[in-house]
Amino acid sequence: MCRTARDDRATTPRRPHLPLRPLWLCRVCAGPWPCPVARLGLRREYAHDRIALSIYLCTVLHDAAADLYRLNPHDGPDPAALYVRFLGWAALPEP
């Protein structure tokens, strides 16, 4: 008897790794956004316009800093850590 297994991965749409605001965690994997999957997606989306990627990331960095500070004004977010998280990876050459 021959059974054909259906590969659900091919037909199931993948959920985008978007930020959950104001926590700035990934909605799918719960890691700090942009998570590795989101970074790959952003690199792919902005492959031909790295300047636009930097501008977008500066915008979300600004929003994240404001949101995270509002959540915890006494121990506000570390600016250097936010830079590395949101912009530092984008400046590196692609692997």
Protein backbone atom coordinates (compact mmCIF):
# COMPACT_ATOMS: atom_id res chain seq x y z
CA MET A 1 0.00 0.00 0.00
CA CYS A 2 1.48 3.29 -1.06
CA ARG A 3 0.78 6.28 1.16
CA THR A 4 1.68 9.78 0.25
CA ALA A 5 2.49 12.01 3.17
CA ARG A 6 1.53 15.61 2.76
CA ASP A 7 4.18 18.10 3.77
CA ASP A 8 2.28 20.68 5.83
CA ARG A 9 5.32 22.94 5.99
CA ALA A 10 4.98 23.74 2.30
CA THR A 11 1.37 24.85 2.62
CA THR A 12 1.33 26.39 6.10
CA PRO A 13 2.14 30.09 5.94
CA ARG A 14 4.92 31.17 8.24
CA ARG A 15 4.14 33.80 10.81
CA PRO A 16 6.27 36.91 10.47
CA HIS A 17 8.64 37.65 13.32
CA LEU A 18 7.26 41.05 14.25
CA PRO A 19 7.77 43.03 17.47
CA LEU A 20 5.32 42.92 20.35
CA ARG A 21 5.20 46.49 21.60
CA PRO A 22 5.90 47.99 24.09
CA LEU A 23 8.05 45.04 25.24
CA TRP A 24 9.92 44.74 21.94
CA LEU A 25 9.89 40.96 22.01
CA CYS A 26 9.30 38.79 18.95
CA ARG A 27 5.65 37.73 18.61
CA VAL A 28 6.70 34.26 17.39
CA CYS A 29 9.81 33.20 19.31
CA ALA A 30 9.61 35.64 22.29
CA GLY A 31 13.25 36.67 21.87
CA PRO A 32 14.42 40.28 21.86
CA TRP A 33 13.29 41.84 18.60
CA PRO A 34 14.78 41.91 16.03
CA CYS A 35 15.38 38.21 16.59
CA PRO A 36 17.70 36.28 14.25
CA VAL A 37 14.81 35.29 11.96
CA ALA A 38 13.58 38.90 11.79
CA ARG A 39 17.11 40.06 10.99
CA LEU A 40 17.36 37.62 8.10
CA GLY A 41 13.98 38.75 6.82
CA LEU A 42 14.95 42.42 7.06
CA ARG A 43 18.25 41.75 5.27
CA ARG A 44 16.34 39.98 2.51
CA GLU A 45 13.67 42.68 2.30
CA TYR A 46 16.20 45.52 2.15
CA ALA A 47 18.89 43.65 0.20
CA HIS A 48 19.02 46.32 -2.49
CA ASP A 49 18.67 49.34 -0.22
CA ARG A 50 20.85 49.10 2.89
CA ILE A 51 20.42 52.82 3.59
CA ALA A 52 16.65 52.37 3.85
CA LEU A 53 17.26 49.46 6.24
CA SER A 54 19.40 51.70 8.45
CA ILE A 55 16.77 54.45 8.42
CA TYR A 56 14.03 51.95 9.32
CA LEU A 57 16.12 50.50 12.14
CA CYS A 58 16.90 53.98 13.49
CA THR A 59 13.17 54.65 13.59
CA VAL A 60 12.34 51.46 15.47
CA LEU A 61 15.31 52.04 17.81
CA HIS A 62 13.84 55.43 18.69
CA ASP A 63 10.40 53.90 19.28
CA ALA A 64 11.84 51.02 21.33
CA ALA A 65 13.91 53.35 23.52
CA ALA A 66 10.82 55.43 24.28
CA ASP A 67 8.62 52.37 24.97
CA LEU A 68 11.20 50.62 27.14
CA TYR A 69 11.94 53.78 29.10
CA ARG A 70 8.22 54.29 29.73
CA LEU A 71 7.97 50.70 31.03
CA ASN A 72 10.92 51.10 33.39
CA PRO A 73 11.98 54.73 33.90
CA HIS A 74 14.22 53.97 36.89
CA ASP A 75 16.39 51.43 35.07
CA GLY A 76 15.94 52.76 31.55
CA PRO A 77 17.32 50.87 28.56
CA ASP A 78 21.08 50.93 28.01
CA PRO A 79 21.74 53.02 24.86
CA ALA A 80 24.79 50.96 23.85
CA ALA A 81 22.85 47.68 24.16
CA LEU A 82 19.97 49.11 22.13
CA TYR A 83 22.38 50.23 19.42
CA VAL A 84 23.90 46.75 19.15
CA ARG A 85 20.47 45.13 19.19
CA PHE A 86 18.85 47.35 16.57
CA LEU A 87 21.65 48.75 14.40
CA GLY A 88 24.95 47.02 15.13
CA TRP A 89 24.08 43.83 13.25
CA ALA A 90 22.93 45.71 10.13
CA ALA A 91 26.26 47.47 9.69
CA LEU A 92 28.13 44.18 9.44
CA PRO A 93 28.82 42.75 5.98
CA GLU A 94 26.58 39.89 4.95
CA PRO A 95 27.96 36.39 5.71
